[in-house]
Amino acid sequence: MSTVRFLADHDLNEHIVEGVRRCEPGIEFLRVRDLGLKSHPDSEILAYAHRNQIVLVSHDVNTMTAEAKRRLENSMGISGLLLVPQSVAVRVTIETLVLIWSATELEDWNDQVVFLPL
């Protein structure tokens, strides 16, 4: 079993990434912009996350959801997509991501599209 690693989509609130890192420094939380993927389409970001076994976290509940469903329908798979509506408090999102990291395994999220909070 593998530890959950996160990838922040370009639209994810930076306070979430920093808050998660502050609460639990052991969490690996990458950002698409740091990987040179900021201007890449959702399909490429999901493909990168899947190849590298990273759970994607995004505020993009529309186009990212549609692209994830397309990948699943075409048996391409995803390593997990956690969608955070803009209306969810930053603190709640941080706590939820830390809980996911501490209580689950990467394999639990394979081919899952989940809206936060749980």
N, C-alpha and C. Protein backbone atom coordinates (compact mmCIF):
# COMPACT_ATOMS: atom_id res chain seq x y z
N MET A 1 0.86 -1.19 0.00
CA MET A 1 0.00 0.00 0.00
C MET A 1 0.90 1.24 0.00
N SER A 2 0.38 2.29 -0.63
CA SER A 2 1.18 3.51 -0.80
C SER A 2 0.54 4.69 -0.08
N THR A 3 1.40 5.60 0.35
CA THR A 3 0.96 6.83 1.01
C THR A 3 0.33 7.77 -0.03
N VAL A 4 -0.73 8.43 0.37
CA VAL A 4 -1.39 9.41 -0.50
C VAL A 4 -0.47 10.61 -0.71
N ARG A 5 -0.34 11.00 -1.97
CA ARG A 5 0.37 12.22 -2.35
C ARG A 5 -0.65 13.08 -3.09
N PHE A 6 -0.54 14.39 -2.96
CA PHE A 6 -1.49 15.30 -3.58
C PHE A 6 -0.84 16.17 -4.64
N LEU A 7 -1.66 16.55 -5.64
CA LEU A 7 -1.26 17.49 -6.67
C LEU A 7 -2.34 18.56 -6.73
N ALA A 8 -1.94 19.82 -6.48
CA ALA A 8 -2.88 20.95 -6.54
C ALA A 8 -3.02 21.43 -7.97
N ASP A 9 -4.24 21.46 -8.46
CA ASP A 9 -4.53 22.03 -9.77
C ASP A 9 -4.22 23.53 -9.72
N HIS A 10 -4.10 24.14 -10.89
CA HIS A 10 -3.73 25.56 -10.94
C HIS A 10 -4.72 26.48 -10.26
N ASP A 11 -5.97 26.04 -10.12
CA ASP A 11 -6.98 26.91 -9.53
C ASP A 11 -7.19 26.70 -8.03
N LEU A 12 -6.49 25.74 -7.43
CA LEU A 12 -6.69 25.46 -6.00
C LEU A 12 -6.14 26.59 -5.15
N ASN A 13 -6.91 27.01 -4.19
CA ASN A 13 -6.51 28.08 -3.27
C ASN A 13 -5.18 27.74 -2.61
N GLU A 14 -4.22 28.63 -2.78
CA GLU A 14 -2.87 28.43 -2.25
C GLU A 14 -2.86 28.26 -0.73
N HIS A 15 -3.83 28.87 -0.05
CA HIS A 15 -3.91 28.74 1.41
C HIS A 15 -4.16 27.29 1.83
N ILE A 16 -4.83 26.53 0.97
CA ILE A 16 -5.07 25.12 1.27
C ILE A 16 -3.75 24.35 1.25
N VAL A 17 -2.99 24.55 0.19
CA VAL A 17 -1.70 23.85 0.07
C VAL A 17 -0.79 24.19 1.24
N GLU A 18 -0.66 25.46 1.52
CA GLU A 18 0.23 25.89 2.61
C GLU A 18 -0.28 25.41 3.97
N GLY A 19 -1.60 25.44 4.17
CA GLY A 19 -2.17 24.99 5.43
C GLY A 19 -1.95 23.51 5.67
N VAL A 20 -2.10 22.71 4.63
CA VAL A 20 -1.86 21.26 4.75
C VAL A 20 -0.39 21.01 5.09
N ARG A 21 0.49 21.69 4.39
CA ARG A 21 1.93 21.52 4.65
C ARG A 21 2.30 21.95 6.07
N ARG A 22 1.66 22.99 6.56
CA ARG A 22 1.94 23.49 7.91
C ARG A 22 1.43 22.50 8.96
N CYS A 23 0.23 21.95 8.74
CA CYS A 23 -0.35 21.01 9.70
C CYS A 23 0.41 19.69 9.75
N GLU A 24 0.86 19.24 8.59
CA GLU A 24 1.55 17.95 8.51
C GLU A 24 2.68 18.05 7.48
N PRO A 25 3.86 18.45 7.93
CA PRO A 25 4.99 18.64 7.00
C PRO A 25 5.37 17.39 6.20
N GLY A 26 4.96 16.23 6.63
CA GLY A 26 5.29 15.00 5.91
C GLY A 26 4.46 14.76 4.67
N ILE A 27 3.42 15.54 4.47
CA ILE A 27 2.55 15.36 3.31
C ILE A 27 3.23 15.93 2.07
N GLU A 28 3.27 15.13 1.03
CA GLU A 28 3.77 15.62 -0.25
C GLU A 28 2.59 16.24 -1.01
N PHE A 29 2.68 17.55 -1.23
CA PHE A 29 1.61 18.29 -1.90
C PHE A 29 2.25 19.14 -2.98
N LEU A 30 2.27 18.61 -4.19
CA LEU A 30 2.86 19.29 -5.33
C LEU A 30 1.86 20.26 -5.95
N ARG A 31 2.36 21.18 -6.76
CA ARG A 31 1.50 22.13 -7.49
C ARG A 31 1.79 22.01 -8.98
N VAL A 32 0.75 22.07 -9.81
CA VAL A 32 0.96 21.95 -11.25
C VAL A 32 1.90 23.03 -11.76
N ARG A 33 1.84 24.21 -11.19
CA ARG A 33 2.71 25.29 -11.69
C ARG A 33 4.18 24.98 -11.43
N ASP A 34 4.48 24.29 -10.33
CA ASP A 34 5.87 23.92 -10.03
C ASP A 34 6.38 22.83 -10.96
N LEU A 35 5.46 22.11 -11.58
CA LEU A 35 5.83 21.02 -12.48
C LEU A 35 5.80 21.45 -13.94
N GLY A 36 5.53 22.74 -14.18
CA GLY A 36 5.46 23.25 -15.55
C GLY A 36 4.18 22.87 -16.27
N LEU A 37 3.14 22.56 -15.52
CA LEU A 37 1.87 22.11 -16.12
C LEU A 37 0.75 23.14 -16.00
N LYS A 38 1.06 24.35 -15.55
CA LYS A 38 0.02 25.33 -15.26
C LYS A 38 -0.92 25.59 -16.43
N SER A 39 -0.38 25.72 -17.63
CA SER A 39 -1.22 26.05 -18.78
C SER A 39 -1.67 24.82 -19.56
N HIS A 40 -1.41 23.63 -19.04
CA HIS A 40 -1.80 22.40 -19.72
C HIS A 40 -3.28 22.11 -19.50
N PRO A 41 -3.91 21.44 -20.45
CA PRO A 41 -5.33 21.11 -20.30
C PRO A 41 -5.55 20.06 -19.21
N ASP A 42 -6.79 20.00 -18.75
CA ASP A 42 -7.17 19.06 -17.70
C ASP A 42 -6.77 17.63 -18.05
N SER A 43 -6.91 17.25 -19.31
CA SER A 43 -6.58 15.88 -19.72
C SER A 43 -5.12 15.55 -19.43
N GLU A 44 -4.22 16.49 -19.68
CA GLU A 44 -2.80 16.25 -19.43
C GLU A 44 -2.47 16.24 -17.94
N ILE A 45 -3.17 17.07 -17.19
CA ILE A 45 -2.93 17.10 -15.74
C ILE A 45 -3.40 15.80 -15.10
N LEU A 46 -4.56 15.32 -15.49
CA LEU A 46 -5.06 14.04 -14.97
C LEU A 46 -4.15 12.89 -15.41
N ALA A 47 -3.66 12.93 -16.64
CA ALA A 47 -2.76 11.89 -17.12
C ALA A 47 -1.45 11.90 -16.33
N TYR A 48 -0.90 13.09 -16.07
CA TYR A 48 0.33 13.21 -15.27
C TYR A 48 0.11 12.62 -13.87
N ALA A 49 -0.99 13.02 -13.24
CA ALA A 49 -1.28 12.53 -11.89
C ALA A 49 -1.41 11.01 -11.88
N HIS A 50 -2.07 10.47 -12.89
CA HIS A 50 -2.25 9.02 -12.96
C HIS A 50 -0.92 8.30 -13.16
N ARG A 51 -0.10 8.79 -14.09
CA ARG A 51 1.21 8.17 -14.34
C ARG A 51 2.09 8.18 -13.10
N ASN A 52 1.96 9.25 -12.31
CA ASN A 52 2.84 9.43 -11.15
C ASN A 52 2.17 9.06 -9.82
N GLN A 53 0.98 8.49 -9.90
CA GLN A 53 0.23 8.03 -8.72
C GLN A 53 0.07 9.12 -7.67
N ILE A 54 -0.56 10.20 -8.11
CA ILE A 54 -0.82 11.35 -7.24
C ILE A 54 -2.31 11.67 -7.31
N VAL A 55 -2.93 11.95 -6.19
CA VAL A 55 -4.34 12.33 -6.14
C VAL A 55 -4.43 13.83 -6.45
N LEU A 56 -5.24 14.17 -7.44
CA LEU A 56 -5.40 15.56 -7.86
C LEU A 56 -6.46 16.24 -7.00
N VAL A 57 -6.18 17.48 -6.58
CA VAL A 57 -7.11 18.27 -5.78
C VAL A 57 -7.41 19.54 -6.58
N SER A 58 -8.70 19.84 -6.77
CA SER A 58 -9.07 20.96 -7.63
C SER A 58 -10.35 21.63 -7.16
N HIS A 59 -10.47 22.92 -7.49
CA HIS A 59 -11.72 23.65 -7.31
C HIS A 59 -12.58 23.54 -8.57
N ASP A 60 -12.02 23.03 -9.65
CA ASP A 60 -12.70 23.00 -10.96
C ASP A 60 -13.70 21.85 -11.00
N VAL A 61 -14.88 22.11 -10.46
CA VAL A 61 -15.88 21.05 -10.33
C VAL A 61 -16.59 20.76 -11.65
N ASN A 62 -16.39 21.58 -12.66
CA ASN A 62 -17.08 21.37 -13.94
C ASN A 62 -16.21 20.64 -14.96
N THR A 63 -15.21 21.32 -15.50
CA THR A 63 -14.44 20.71 -16.59
C THR A 63 -13.55 19.57 -16.09
N MET A 64 -13.01 19.68 -14.89
CA MET A 64 -12.16 18.60 -14.38
C MET A 64 -12.99 17.34 -14.14
N THR A 65 -14.20 17.52 -13.64
CA THR A 65 -15.08 16.37 -13.42
C THR A 65 -15.40 15.69 -14.75
N ALA A 66 -15.72 16.49 -15.75
CA ALA A 66 -16.05 15.94 -17.07
C ALA A 66 -14.87 15.18 -17.66
N GLU A 67 -13.67 15.73 -17.54
CA GLU A 67 -12.49 15.06 -18.09
C GLU A 67 -12.18 13.78 -17.32
N ALA A 68 -12.34 13.79 -16.01
CA ALA A 68 -12.12 12.57 -15.22
C ALA A 68 -13.12 11.48 -15.63
N LYS A 69 -14.36 11.86 -15.81
CA LYS A 69 -15.37 10.88 -16.23
C LYS A 69 -15.06 10.33 -17.62
N ARG A 70 -14.56 11.19 -18.52
CA ARG A 70 -14.18 10.74 -19.87
C ARG A 70 -13.05 9.69 -19.76
N ARG A 71 -12.05 9.99 -18.93
CA ARG A 71 -10.94 9.04 -18.75
C ARG A 71 -11.46 7.70 -18.20
N LEU A 72 -12.36 7.76 -17.24
CA LEU A 72 -12.88 6.53 -16.66
C LEU A 72 -13.71 5.74 -17.67
N GLU A 73 -14.53 6.44 -18.45
CA GLU A 73 -15.34 5.77 -19.47
C GLU A 73 -14.48 5.10 -20.53
N ASN A 74 -13.29 5.64 -20.78
CA ASN A 74 -12.38 5.09 -21.78
C ASN A 74 -11.31 4.18 -21.16
N SER A 75 -11.55 3.74 -19.92
CA SER A 75 -10.65 2.82 -19.21
C SER A 75 -9.22 3.33 -19.12
N MET A 76 -9.06 4.65 -19.00
CA MET A 76 -7.74 5.25 -18.88
C MET A 76 -7.33 5.43 -17.42
N GLY A 77 -8.29 5.44 -16.53
CA GLY A 77 -8.04 5.53 -15.10
C GLY A 77 -7.58 6.89 -14.60
N ILE A 78 -7.77 7.08 -13.32
CA ILE A 78 -7.27 8.26 -12.60
C ILE A 78 -6.77 7.78 -11.24
N SER A 79 -5.87 8.54 -10.67
CA SER A 79 -5.35 8.19 -9.34
C SER A 79 -6.21 8.76 -8.23
N GLY A 80 -7.30 9.36 -8.60
CA GLY A 80 -8.20 9.98 -7.65
C GLY A 80 -8.31 11.46 -7.94
N LEU A 81 -9.52 11.98 -7.83
CA LEU A 81 -9.78 13.40 -8.01
C LEU A 81 -10.63 13.87 -6.84
N LEU A 82 -10.08 14.79 -6.07
CA LEU A 82 -10.79 15.39 -4.94
C LEU A 82 -11.21 16.79 -5.36
N LEU A 83 -12.51 17.02 -5.40
CA LEU A 83 -13.06 18.30 -5.83
C LEU A 83 -13.53 19.09 -4.63
N VAL A 84 -13.09 20.34 -4.58
CA VAL A 84 -13.40 21.20 -3.45
C VAL A 84 -14.20 22.41 -3.96
N PRO A 85 -15.51 22.44 -3.73
CA PRO A 85 -16.27 23.62 -4.12
C PRO A 85 -15.71 24.87 -3.43
N GLN A 86 -15.74 25.99 -4.13
CA GLN A 86 -15.22 27.25 -3.59
C GLN A 86 -15.89 27.63 -2.27
N SER A 87 -17.10 27.15 -2.07
CA SER A 87 -17.85 27.51 -0.86
C SER A 87 -17.37 26.79 0.40
N VAL A 88 -16.55 25.76 0.25
CA VAL A 88 -16.06 25.02 1.42
C VAL A 88 -14.95 25.82 2.09
N ALA A 89 -15.04 25.96 3.39
CA ALA A 89 -14.04 26.72 4.15
C ALA A 89 -12.65 26.11 4.00
N VAL A 90 -11.65 26.97 3.91
CA VAL A 90 -10.26 26.53 3.77
C VAL A 90 -9.88 25.61 4.91
N ARG A 91 -10.23 25.97 6.13
CA ARG A 91 -9.89 25.16 7.31
C ARG A 91 -10.46 23.75 7.19
N VAL A 92 -11.70 23.66 6.76
CA VAL A 92 -12.37 22.35 6.61
C VAL A 92 -11.64 21.52 5.55
N THR A 93 -11.26 22.15 4.45
CA THR A 93 -10.55 21.45 3.39
C THR A 93 -9.20 20.95 3.88
N ILE A 94 -8.47 21.79 4.59
CA ILE A 94 -7.17 21.39 5.15
C ILE A 94 -7.33 20.18 6.06
N GLU A 95 -8.27 20.25 6.98
CA GLU A 95 -8.48 19.15 7.92
C GLU A 95 -8.87 17.86 7.19
N THR A 96 -9.69 17.99 6.16
CA THR A 96 -10.12 16.81 5.40
C THR A 96 -8.95 16.18 4.66
N LEU A 97 -8.10 16.99 4.05
CA LEU A 97 -6.95 16.45 3.32
C LEU A 97 -5.95 15.79 4.26
N VAL A 98 -5.73 16.37 5.43
CA VAL A 98 -4.83 15.75 6.41
C VAL A 98 -5.42 14.42 6.88
N LEU A 99 -6.72 14.36 7.08
CA LEU A 99 -7.38 13.11 7.47
C LEU A 99 -7.23 12.06 6.37
N ILE A 100 -7.46 12.46 5.13
CA ILE A 100 -7.30 11.52 4.00
C ILE A 100 -5.89 10.96 3.98
N TRP A 101 -4.91 11.83 4.14
CA TRP A 101 -3.51 11.41 4.12
C TRP A 101 -3.19 10.43 5.26
N SER A 102 -3.72 10.72 6.43
CA SER A 102 -3.38 9.91 7.60
C SER A 102 -4.18 8.61 7.71
N ALA A 103 -5.37 8.56 7.12
CA ALA A 103 -6.25 7.42 7.36
C ALA A 103 -6.50 6.54 6.14
N THR A 104 -5.97 6.92 4.98
CA THR A 104 -6.23 6.12 3.78
C THR A 104 -4.92 5.84 3.04
N GLU A 105 -5.03 4.99 2.04
CA GLU A 105 -3.90 4.65 1.18
C GLU A 105 -4.20 5.16 -0.23
N LEU A 106 -3.17 5.38 -1.01
CA LEU A 106 -3.33 5.85 -2.38
C LEU A 106 -4.30 4.96 -3.16
N GLU A 107 -4.18 3.67 -2.99
CA GLU A 107 -5.01 2.73 -3.73
C GLU A 107 -6.50 2.90 -3.44
N ASP A 108 -6.84 3.46 -2.30
CA ASP A 108 -8.25 3.70 -1.97
C ASP A 108 -8.89 4.71 -2.91
N TRP A 109 -8.09 5.54 -3.56
CA TRP A 109 -8.61 6.64 -4.38
C TRP A 109 -8.59 6.34 -5.87
N ASN A 110 -8.02 5.19 -6.26
CA ASN A 110 -7.99 4.85 -7.69
C ASN A 110 -9.38 4.92 -8.30
N ASP A 111 -9.48 5.66 -9.41
CA ASP A 111 -10.72 5.80 -10.20
C ASP A 111 -11.87 6.41 -9.42
N GLN A 112 -11.55 7.19 -8.38
CA GLN A 112 -12.57 7.85 -7.56
C GLN A 112 -12.62 9.35 -7.85
N VAL A 113 -13.83 9.87 -8.00
CA VAL A 113 -14.08 11.31 -8.08
C VAL A 113 -14.94 11.63 -6.86
N VAL A 114 -14.38 12.45 -5.95
CA VAL A 114 -15.03 12.69 -4.67
C VAL A 114 -15.08 14.19 -4.38
N PHE A 115 -16.22 14.65 -3.93
CA PHE A 115 -16.39 16.04 -3.52
C PHE A 115 -16.08 16.15 -2.03
N LEU A 116 -15.31 17.15 -1.66
CA LEU A 116 -14.99 17.43 -0.26
C LEU A 116 -15.91 18.51 0.26
N PRO A 117 -16.19 18.53 1.57
CA PRO A 117 -15.68 17.61 2.58
C PRO A 117 -16.39 16.26 2.48
N LEU A 118 -15.75 15.25 3.08
CA LEU A 118 -16.32 13.89 3.06
C LEU A 118 -17.55 13.83 3.92
